[in-house]
Every structure is written in structure tokens, then in C-alpha cells.
Amino acid sequence: MGLLDYLFGNGGRRFIKRKDSDAGEAGRALEELRGSLYNELRTSEGAKRQQQRFCGPVMAMTFNFMVAVGIILGNKLVMGRVGFKFPIFLTLIHYCCSWILLAIFKALSLLPAAPPARTTPFSSLFSLGVVMAFASGLANASLSHNSVGFYQMAKIAVTPTIVIAEFFLFKKKVSFHKVLALAVVSVGVAVATVTDLEFNFFGACIALAWIVPSGVNKILWSNLQQQTNWTALALMWRTTPVTIFFLVPLSPLLDPPGVLSFKWDINNTSAILISALLGFLLQWSGALALGATSATSHVVLGQFKTCVILLGGYFLFSSDPGWTSICGAVTALGGMTVYTSLSLKESREKASDQLPKHSLPPQKLKSTEDDDNSRYTPPDQTPAVV
């Protein structure tokens, strides 16, 4: 009876009231958090701080790696089992779906604010949109007309292209140890994929035409986010329409005919839309990775994906790429490990150099102490003359 009296009496009412109060405080705290996040997204500086807070280099690279592996499987399903042999048009579908999703974010006030127009010339955004169209379209066309080995060999050439372009455009230098690590990575990837090397003249021309736009695309994405207050989603919203505009004429030039006669049933359309959703996530994660790291690190991550897929197929699915490919993949992973450690070391050194100095000068502390002593006068004594 004592317990029932407590529950239905004043004690029970106080307990319920306290629980309601706790729930109310939790609800108010959640509303305040949502309100602060909403206010942060209304300014480009606040949105950039939130992106850096929630998506650091490790998180961005991991996100990009997982999505990239997923879209490889998705595109294999679309181009293999579904039989959609139109890589440029598939890229166009990806960017159209991305623009629709960004428009939904914009309507729901979830899209981060962009920096003022005066901080970034329109020519920079227009150039990024054009370069992105050629980089993405030619990449899928190269993968469609070349073997995986030749595609990877062309991707290796992107690394020195980025290093040379950043040196001439931004006077950015790379240390000798990092250059040596990148050389080891390139040699390892070349050895790992040399067994699947098939030459095709038209495919080789597309691969060569893709190298420069791919490198410039990564440089511009990384530079605009790191030098200004652009976030990944805000930059995607501004450049995607330009990319779509230039992908439309590329499709009939590089795709085979027959896209309108494709069988657009429920199963095929669903597979293509899933690939488009993964394409949006790939573009977003790639932009986050470029904003958090650098263009060269993003290329190294792409080569890391190649080696992991090759070794994963050997250990998990008993595929036999040959000992030459396995040794090349292991060598490349070793070079990537050294390059990553050197990059992290440089990042820590830059962060330590930018830390503010909180210590006060000793002379100021001493003078303050002297002032306090001079203001104190013992009773019945005259102040001492310093």
C-alpha cells in the first residue's frame, strides 16, 4: 500500500512532473540545436564551419571510398546485365538527378548558403562546370571503350598532371619524399594492371583527352573550397546546370545510337535510378574529399580503390590476377601508406604553426605585480620610492 500511495499521491505526481520537465528540457535542447544548425547554414562561413566539423579528411575519404565501390558495382549492373551502353547519357542522367535532389534541398532550406558573388567570379564557376562535364563524360567513355588496365594507366598520368598544374598555377611545391612515394604508387598500379592492358586507338584518344580535364577539375574543386567559403553542396548547386548544358551535345557525339529505342521498363529504369543516386553521392563525397584534402590525395585514393578491389577479389572470391598484379598492388599500397603519413605530418605541422599564442610577456606580468604592490600602503608607513 505504501508504494501505491506514493505512486498515486504527491510523490507520484512530483515524479511524473519531474519526468515531464526532463522531457521538456530535452525537447528544448533539441530545438535549440536544430535552430543553431539552421542559422549556421544561412551563412557561407557557418556552413563551411559545419562541413569542416562533421566531415574531416578521414570521414570524407572513407565516405568517398565506400560510395565509389558501390557505384562500380551499380554501373556494372547497368552496363552489363541491363545492357545500357550509353556512358555519356548515363552521366547526364546522374547530373540531372543530382540537380533535382539539390533543388529539393533548396526548397526545404537545407542547402547551405553560397558566398557572395563578388568573392568568386562567375568565370571560375562556369569553367568548373565545363571542365566537370568533360572530365565525367570522357571518364565513362574511356572506361567503355578501353580495358580496365588501360583506363588505370591513363589515370596514373593524372597524378603528374596535377602536380605540374598546381606548380604553375599556384606555385605549390611537393617535397622530394612525397614525389618518391607517388612514383612508387604509380609503378605499383601500373604493374598491378598491366595484365589487362588492351590497346584501342579510339579509346586511347578519349583517354588522352580525359587526362587534362580530370586533373584541372580536381584542382578547381579543391582550390575553391579551401581558399573561399564554398561548401560541397553549394558548389554543386551552382555548377551542375553548366555541366548538364555541356553534356547534352557530348552524348550524340560519343555515345552509340539507339538510346531512344532502349527498353525503359520498371526493372531497367530502377537500376538506372539507383546508379544515379549513387552518382549523386559520389559527386558529393568526392567534393567533400577534395575540400578536406587535396587533388593529389584524391587521385591516390582512386588508385587505392583499384588495389583494394584487386586484392579483395583475390582473397574473398578466389580470383587469380597473377602474382605480378598482386605484388604490384601491395607495392602501391605501401607507397600510399608512406604518402598518407607524410601528408598527415605536414597537416599537423601547419596546424601547430597556426595555433594562437596565449602566453603573456613576462615584463607585462612583472609590471602588473609592481603596480599592485605600489598601490598597497601599510598602515603608519610611507610608500617606498622605487
Protein backbone atom coordinates (compact mmCIF):
# COMPACT_ATOMS: atom_id res chain seq x y z
CA MET A 1 0.00 0.00 0.00
CA GLY A 2 2.86 2.33 0.72
CA LEU A 3 4.13 2.03 -2.86
CA LEU A 4 0.63 2.65 -4.29
CA ASP A 5 0.15 5.64 -2.04
CA TYR A 6 3.46 7.05 -3.25
CA LEU A 7 2.63 6.49 -6.94
CA PHE A 8 -0.88 7.97 -6.75
CA GLY A 9 -0.09 10.56 -4.11
CA ASN A 10 2.06 13.65 -4.03
CA GLY A 11 5.27 11.66 -4.57
CA GLY A 12 3.96 10.11 -7.77
CA ARG A 13 2.82 13.48 -9.10
CA ARG A 14 6.22 15.01 -8.34
CA PHE A 15 7.93 12.08 -10.12
CA ILE A 16 5.75 12.45 -13.22
CA LYS A 17 6.21 16.20 -13.19
CA ARG A 18 9.97 15.80 -12.97
CA LYS A 19 9.96 13.37 -15.90
CA ASP A 20 7.82 15.77 -17.93
CA SER A 21 10.24 18.55 -17.06
CA ASP A 22 13.21 16.44 -18.20
CA ALA A 23 11.43 15.62 -21.47
CA GLY A 24 10.65 19.29 -21.96
CA GLU A 25 14.28 20.28 -21.37
CA ALA A 26 15.46 17.61 -23.83
CA GLY A 27 12.96 18.87 -26.40
CA ARG A 28 14.05 22.47 -25.91
CA ALA A 29 17.71 21.46 -26.24
CA LEU A 30 16.92 19.62 -29.49
CA GLU A 31 15.03 22.64 -30.83
CA GLU A 32 17.92 24.93 -29.92
CA LEU A 33 20.37 22.59 -31.69
CA ARG A 34 18.20 22.49 -34.81
CA GLY A 35 17.82 26.25 -34.70
CA SER A 36 21.56 26.81 -34.38
CA LEU A 37 22.29 24.43 -37.27
CA TYR A 38 19.65 26.20 -39.39
CA ASN A 39 21.21 29.58 -38.62
CA GLU A 40 24.67 28.24 -39.41
CA LEU A 41 23.52 27.07 -42.84
CA ARG A 42 22.19 30.57 -43.66
CA THR A 43 25.72 31.97 -43.95
CA SER A 44 28.56 30.62 -46.06
CA GLU A 45 31.02 30.93 -43.17
CA GLY A 46 28.77 28.96 -40.81
CA ALA A 47 28.07 26.29 -43.43
CA LYS A 48 31.80 25.92 -44.07
CA ARG A 49 32.42 25.51 -40.32
CA GLN A 50 29.75 22.82 -40.08
CA GLN A 51 31.21 20.94 -43.05
CA GLN A 52 34.68 21.01 -41.52
CA ARG A 53 33.27 19.99 -38.13
CA PHE A 54 31.25 16.99 -39.23
CA CYS A 55 33.30 15.82 -42.22
CA GLY A 56 37.04 15.85 -41.68
CA PRO A 57 39.64 14.32 -44.00
CA VAL A 58 39.26 10.74 -42.69
CA MET A 59 35.46 10.83 -42.79
CA ALA A 60 35.37 12.38 -46.27
CA MET A 61 37.87 9.90 -47.75
CA THR A 62 36.06 6.93 -46.16
CA PHE A 63 32.70 8.17 -47.45
CA ASN A 64 34.10 8.62 -50.96
CA PHE A 65 35.74 5.20 -50.92
CA MET A 66 32.55 3.36 -49.90
CA VAL A 67 30.39 5.19 -52.46
CA ALA A 68 32.96 4.64 -55.23
CA VAL A 69 32.96 0.88 -54.64
CA GLY A 70 29.16 0.91 -54.67
CA ILE A 71 28.88 2.83 -57.93
CA ILE A 72 31.37 0.49 -59.61
CA LEU A 73 29.00 -2.38 -58.85
CA GLY A 74 25.98 -0.27 -59.85
CA ASN A 75 27.45 0.76 -63.20
CA LYS A 76 28.50 -2.83 -63.90
CA LEU A 77 24.87 -3.82 -63.34
CA VAL A 78 23.56 -1.05 -65.60
CA MET A 79 26.03 -1.51 -68.46
CA GLY A 80 26.32 -5.30 -68.16
CA ARG A 81 23.10 -7.00 -67.08
CA VAL A 82 20.74 -4.16 -68.03
CA GLY A 83 22.62 -3.51 -71.26
CA PHE A 84 22.63 0.32 -71.12
CA LYS A 85 25.63 1.02 -73.39
CA PHE A 86 25.43 4.82 -73.37
CA PRO A 87 28.04 6.14 -70.88
CA ILE A 88 27.65 9.87 -71.66
CA PHE A 89 23.88 9.71 -71.44
CA LEU A 90 24.19 7.79 -68.16
CA THR A 91 26.40 10.60 -66.85
CA LEU A 92 23.78 13.10 -68.00
CA ILE A 93 21.11 11.18 -66.06
CA HIS A 94 23.36 11.23 -62.97
CA TYR A 95 23.76 15.02 -63.07
CA CYS A 96 20.08 15.64 -63.81
CA CYS A 97 19.08 13.57 -60.77
CA SER A 98 21.71 15.41 -58.70
CA TRP A 99 20.27 18.76 -59.75
CA ILE A 100 16.73 17.62 -58.85
CA LEU A 101 17.88 16.47 -55.39
CA LEU A 102 19.71 19.76 -54.85
CA ALA A 103 16.58 21.66 -55.89
CA ILE A 104 14.62 19.70 -53.26
CA PHE A 105 17.25 20.62 -50.65
CA LYS A 106 16.92 24.24 -51.76
CA ALA A 107 13.13 24.17 -51.40
CA LEU A 108 13.41 22.66 -47.91
CA SER A 109 16.02 25.29 -46.88
CA LEU A 110 18.60 22.53 -46.38
CA LEU A 111 21.05 23.80 -48.99
CA PRO A 112 24.00 25.70 -47.45
CA ALA A 113 24.36 29.34 -48.37
CA ALA A 114 26.85 30.31 -51.06
CA PRO A 115 29.49 33.02 -50.60
CA PRO A 116 28.72 36.48 -52.02
CA ALA A 117 29.02 36.76 -55.80
CA ARG A 118 31.83 39.31 -55.56
CA THR A 119 34.13 36.78 -53.80
CA THR A 120 34.07 34.26 -56.66
CA PRO A 121 33.97 35.35 -60.32
CA PHE A 122 31.32 33.71 -62.46
CA SER A 123 34.06 32.66 -64.88
CA SER A 124 35.53 30.35 -62.21
CA LEU A 125 32.19 28.61 -61.61
CA PHE A 126 31.50 28.40 -65.34
CA SER A 127 34.95 26.93 -66.02
CA LEU A 128 34.46 24.35 -63.27
CA GLY A 129 31.10 23.30 -64.74
CA VAL A 130 32.57 22.93 -68.24
CA VAL A 131 35.63 21.01 -67.06
CA MET A 132 33.46 18.75 -64.91
CA ALA A 133 31.29 17.87 -67.92
CA PHE A 134 34.29 16.80 -69.99
CA ALA A 135 36.01 15.04 -67.08
CA SER A 136 32.98 12.96 -66.07
CA GLY A 137 31.75 12.25 -69.61
CA LEU A 138 35.15 11.31 -71.03
CA ALA A 139 35.90 9.14 -67.98
CA ASN A 140 32.84 6.96 -68.58
CA ALA A 141 33.53 6.92 -72.33
CA SER A 142 37.13 5.86 -71.69
CA LEU A 143 36.00 3.08 -69.38
CA SER A 144 33.51 1.95 -72.01
CA HIS A 145 36.00 1.82 -74.93
CA ASN A 146 39.13 0.69 -73.04
CA SER A 147 40.08 -2.20 -70.83
CA VAL A 148 40.32 -1.63 -67.08
CA GLY A 149 44.11 -1.86 -67.28
CA PHE A 150 44.42 0.85 -69.94
CA TYR A 151 41.94 3.02 -68.02
CA GLN A 152 44.09 2.74 -64.89
CA MET A 153 47.24 3.51 -66.86
CA ALA A 154 45.61 6.71 -68.08
CA LYS A 155 44.56 7.54 -64.50
CA ILE A 156 48.21 7.26 -63.42
CA ALA A 157 49.03 10.13 -65.78
CA VAL A 158 46.59 12.38 -63.89
CA THR A 159 48.93 12.49 -60.87
CA PRO A 160 51.91 14.24 -62.56
CA THR A 161 49.42 16.44 -64.43
CA ILE A 162 48.01 17.73 -61.14
CA VAL A 163 51.47 18.25 -59.62
CA ILE A 164 52.69 20.22 -62.66
CA ALA A 165 49.48 22.25 -62.98
CA GLU A 166 49.45 23.22 -59.29
CA PHE A 167 53.08 24.29 -59.54
CA PHE A 168 52.47 26.63 -62.50
CA LEU A 169 49.05 27.91 -61.36
CA PHE A 170 49.52 28.25 -57.59
CA LYS A 171 53.32 27.84 -57.11
CA LYS A 172 52.60 24.78 -54.96
CA LYS A 173 55.64 22.58 -54.43
CA VAL A 174 55.76 18.91 -53.43
CA SER A 175 58.54 17.54 -51.25
CA PHE A 176 61.01 15.02 -52.62
CA HIS A 177 59.78 12.27 -50.27
CA LYS A 178 56.17 12.72 -51.44
CA VAL A 179 57.27 12.66 -55.08
CA LEU A 180 59.14 9.42 -54.40
CA ALA A 181 56.06 7.93 -52.70
CA LEU A 182 53.85 8.94 -55.63
CA ALA A 183 56.33 7.34 -58.04
CA VAL A 184 56.16 4.07 -56.07
CA VAL A 185 52.34 4.22 -56.15
CA SER A 186 52.29 4.80 -59.91
CA VAL A 187 54.70 1.97 -60.63
CA GLY A 188 52.77 -0.39 -58.35
CA VAL A 189 49.42 0.40 -60.01
CA ALA A 190 51.00 0.02 -63.46
CA VAL A 191 52.37 -3.42 -62.57
CA ALA A 192 49.05 -4.44 -60.97
CA THR A 193 47.01 -3.60 -64.09
CA VAL A 194 49.49 -4.44 -66.86
CA THR A 195 47.95 -7.90 -67.37
CA ASP A 196 44.66 -6.29 -68.50
CA LEU A 197 46.24 -3.86 -70.95
CA GLU A 198 44.45 -3.78 -74.32
CA PHE A 199 45.10 -1.00 -76.83
CA ASN A 200 42.29 0.64 -78.77
CA PHE A 201 43.09 3.70 -80.89
CA PHE A 202 39.74 5.44 -80.39
CA GLY A 203 39.72 4.54 -76.70
CA ALA A 204 43.32 5.78 -76.34
CA CYS A 205 42.36 9.14 -77.88
CA ILE A 206 39.48 9.50 -75.42
CA ALA A 207 41.76 8.56 -72.50
CA LEU A 208 44.35 11.15 -73.53
CA ALA A 209 41.66 13.80 -73.92
CA TRP A 210 40.35 12.95 -70.44
CA ILE A 211 43.63 13.38 -68.53
CA VAL A 212 43.86 17.20 -68.52
CA PRO A 213 40.17 17.92 -67.70
CA SER A 214 40.30 15.35 -64.91
CA GLY A 215 43.31 16.96 -63.26
CA VAL A 216 42.03 20.53 -63.67
CA ASN A 217 38.61 19.50 -62.34
CA LYS A 218 40.10 18.18 -59.10
CA ILE A 219 42.33 21.24 -58.69
CA LEU A 220 39.43 23.69 -59.10
CA TRP A 221 37.17 21.80 -56.71
CA SER A 222 39.86 21.67 -54.05
CA ASN A 223 41.01 25.29 -54.50
CA LEU A 224 37.52 26.87 -54.44
CA GLN A 225 36.59 25.08 -51.22
CA GLN A 226 39.86 25.63 -49.40
CA GLN A 227 40.50 29.24 -50.42
CA THR A 228 36.90 30.52 -50.06
CA ASN A 229 33.80 29.66 -48.02
CA TRP A 230 32.25 27.35 -50.62
CA THR A 231 30.77 24.10 -49.35
CA ALA A 232 30.42 20.96 -51.45
CA LEU A 233 26.63 21.16 -51.86
CA ALA A 234 26.59 24.90 -52.60
CA LEU A 235 29.28 24.46 -55.26
CA MET A 236 27.40 21.53 -56.79
CA TRP A 237 24.22 23.63 -56.98
CA ARG A 238 25.97 26.40 -58.91
CA THR A 239 27.98 24.23 -61.33
CA THR A 240 25.64 21.32 -62.10
CA PRO A 241 23.43 23.26 -64.59
CA VAL A 242 26.53 24.22 -66.60
CA THR A 243 27.68 20.60 -66.59
CA ILE A 244 24.28 19.40 -67.83
CA PHE A 245 24.31 22.02 -70.60
CA PHE A 246 27.62 20.73 -71.98
CA LEU A 247 26.82 17.03 -71.52
CA VAL A 248 23.78 17.30 -73.82
CA PRO A 249 25.83 17.81 -77.04
CA LEU A 250 28.51 15.33 -75.92
CA SER A 251 26.04 12.42 -75.76
CA PRO A 252 25.24 12.16 -79.51
CA LEU A 253 28.91 12.71 -80.37
CA LEU A 254 30.42 9.93 -78.22
CA ASP A 255 27.54 7.57 -77.43
CA PRO A 256 26.42 4.86 -79.86
CA PRO A 257 23.00 5.40 -81.48
CA GLY A 258 19.85 3.80 -80.12
CA VAL A 259 19.31 5.44 -76.72
CA LEU A 260 15.68 6.28 -77.55
CA SER A 261 14.94 2.69 -78.53
CA PHE A 262 16.20 1.32 -75.20
CA LYS A 263 13.66 -0.76 -73.25
CA TRP A 264 12.66 1.57 -70.40
CA ASP A 265 10.76 -0.92 -68.23
CA ILE A 266 10.43 -0.81 -64.44
CA ASN A 267 13.45 -3.02 -63.70
CA ASN A 268 15.82 -1.23 -66.08
CA THR A 269 14.67 2.23 -65.01
CA SER A 270 15.02 1.31 -61.31
CA ALA A 271 18.59 0.11 -61.84
CA ILE A 272 19.48 3.32 -63.68
CA LEU A 273 17.92 5.49 -60.96
CA ILE A 274 19.85 3.60 -58.26
CA SER A 275 23.01 4.25 -60.25
CA ALA A 276 22.02 7.94 -60.48
CA LEU A 277 21.54 8.14 -56.70
CA LEU A 278 24.98 6.61 -56.21
CA GLY A 279 26.31 9.11 -58.74
CA PHE A 280 24.98 11.98 -56.64
CA LEU A 281 26.59 10.51 -53.52
CA LEU A 282 29.85 10.00 -55.44
CA GLN A 283 29.90 13.63 -56.60
CA TRP A 284 29.11 14.87 -53.10
CA SER A 285 31.65 12.63 -51.36
CA GLY A 286 34.30 13.46 -53.95
CA ALA A 287 33.71 17.19 -53.41
CA LEU A 288 33.95 16.72 -49.63
CA ALA A 289 37.21 14.78 -50.02
CA LEU A 290 38.69 17.43 -52.31
CA GLY A 291 37.69 20.17 -49.89
CA ALA A 292 39.18 18.35 -46.90
CA THR A 293 42.42 17.13 -48.52
CA SER A 294 43.93 17.93 -51.91
CA ALA A 295 43.64 16.99 -55.57
CA THR A 296 46.68 14.69 -55.40
CA SER A 297 45.35 12.87 -52.33
CA HIS A 298 42.06 12.27 -54.15
CA VAL A 299 43.89 10.67 -57.09
CA VAL A 300 45.84 8.46 -54.69
CA LEU A 301 42.53 7.43 -53.12
CA GLY A 302 41.27 6.38 -56.56
CA GLN A 303 44.32 4.20 -57.07
CA PHE A 304 43.85 2.79 -53.56
CA LYS A 305 40.34 1.68 -54.58
CA THR A 306 41.78 -0.17 -57.57
CA CYS A 307 44.30 -2.08 -55.45
CA VAL A 308 41.74 -2.92 -52.75
CA ILE A 309 39.28 -4.27 -55.32
CA LEU A 310 42.00 -6.37 -56.94
CA LEU A 311 43.24 -7.80 -53.63
CA GLY A 312 39.68 -8.22 -52.34
CA GLY A 313 38.78 -10.31 -55.37
CA TYR A 314 41.83 -12.49 -54.76
CA PHE A 315 41.23 -13.10 -51.04
CA LEU A 316 37.41 -13.15 -50.95
CA PHE A 317 36.36 -14.56 -54.32
CA SER A 318 39.43 -16.69 -55.18
CA SER A 319 40.12 -14.78 -58.39
CA ASP A 320 43.61 -15.21 -59.81
CA PRO A 321 45.01 -11.96 -61.24
CA GLY A 322 48.54 -13.38 -61.10
CA TRP A 323 51.42 -12.86 -58.72
CA THR A 324 52.69 -9.92 -60.77
CA SER A 325 49.46 -7.99 -60.24
CA ILE A 326 49.34 -8.91 -56.56
CA CYS A 327 52.93 -7.74 -55.97
CA GLY A 328 52.18 -4.51 -57.84
CA ALA A 329 49.08 -3.87 -55.72
CA VAL A 330 50.99 -4.49 -52.48
CA THR A 331 53.78 -2.14 -53.64
CA ALA A 332 51.24 0.53 -54.49
CA LEU A 333 49.58 0.19 -51.07
CA GLY A 334 52.97 0.62 -49.41
CA GLY A 335 53.61 3.82 -51.36
CA MET A 336 50.12 5.09 -50.46
CA THR A 337 50.82 4.44 -46.78
CA VAL A 338 54.03 6.48 -46.92
CA TYR A 339 52.33 9.30 -48.85
CA THR A 340 49.44 9.42 -46.36
CA SER A 341 51.78 9.53 -43.37
CA LEU A 342 53.77 12.38 -44.95
CA SER A 343 50.57 14.31 -45.71
CA LEU A 344 49.29 13.88 -42.14
CA LYS A 345 52.66 15.04 -40.79
CA GLU A 346 52.53 18.19 -42.92
CA SER A 347 48.95 18.85 -41.79
CA ARG A 348 49.93 18.58 -38.13
CA GLU A 349 52.87 20.95 -38.66
CA LYS A 350 50.63 23.53 -40.37
CA ALA A 351 48.05 23.24 -37.59
CA SER A 352 50.70 23.76 -34.90
CA ASP A 353 52.07 26.81 -36.71
CA GLN A 354 48.59 28.36 -36.83
CA LEU A 355 47.88 27.93 -33.10
CA PRO A 356 47.49 31.30 -31.30
CA LYS A 357 49.97 32.31 -28.68
CA HIS A 358 48.15 32.70 -25.33
CA SER A 359 51.13 33.37 -23.08
CA LEU A 360 51.67 36.93 -21.90
CA PRO A 361 55.09 38.61 -21.92
CA PRO A 362 56.96 38.25 -18.63
CA GLN A 363 57.61 42.01 -18.44
CA LYS A 364 53.90 42.78 -18.54
CA LEU A 365 53.24 40.35 -15.70
CA LYS A 366 56.03 41.88 -13.65
CA SER A 367 54.86 45.43 -14.22
CA THR A 368 51.32 44.48 -13.19
CA GLU A 369 52.64 42.94 -9.98
CA ASP A 370 54.68 46.09 -9.28
CA ASP A 371 51.62 48.27 -9.79
CA ASP A 372 49.63 46.18 -7.32
CA ASN A 373 52.41 46.44 -4.74
CA SER A 374 52.74 50.19 -5.23
CA ARG A 375 49.01 50.67 -4.64
CA TYR A 376 49.25 48.82 -1.29
CA THR A 377 50.42 51.11 1.60
CA PRO A 378 50.98 49.55 5.04
CA PRO A 379 49.49 51.48 7.95
CA ASP A 380 51.65 54.19 9.56
CA GLN A 381 54.30 53.80 6.84
CA THR A 382 55.21 55.94 3.86
CA PRO A 383 55.30 54.31 0.44
CA ALA A 384 58.71 53.28 -0.72
CA VAL A 385 60.27 55.15 -3.60
CA VAL A 386 61.21 52.88 -6.47
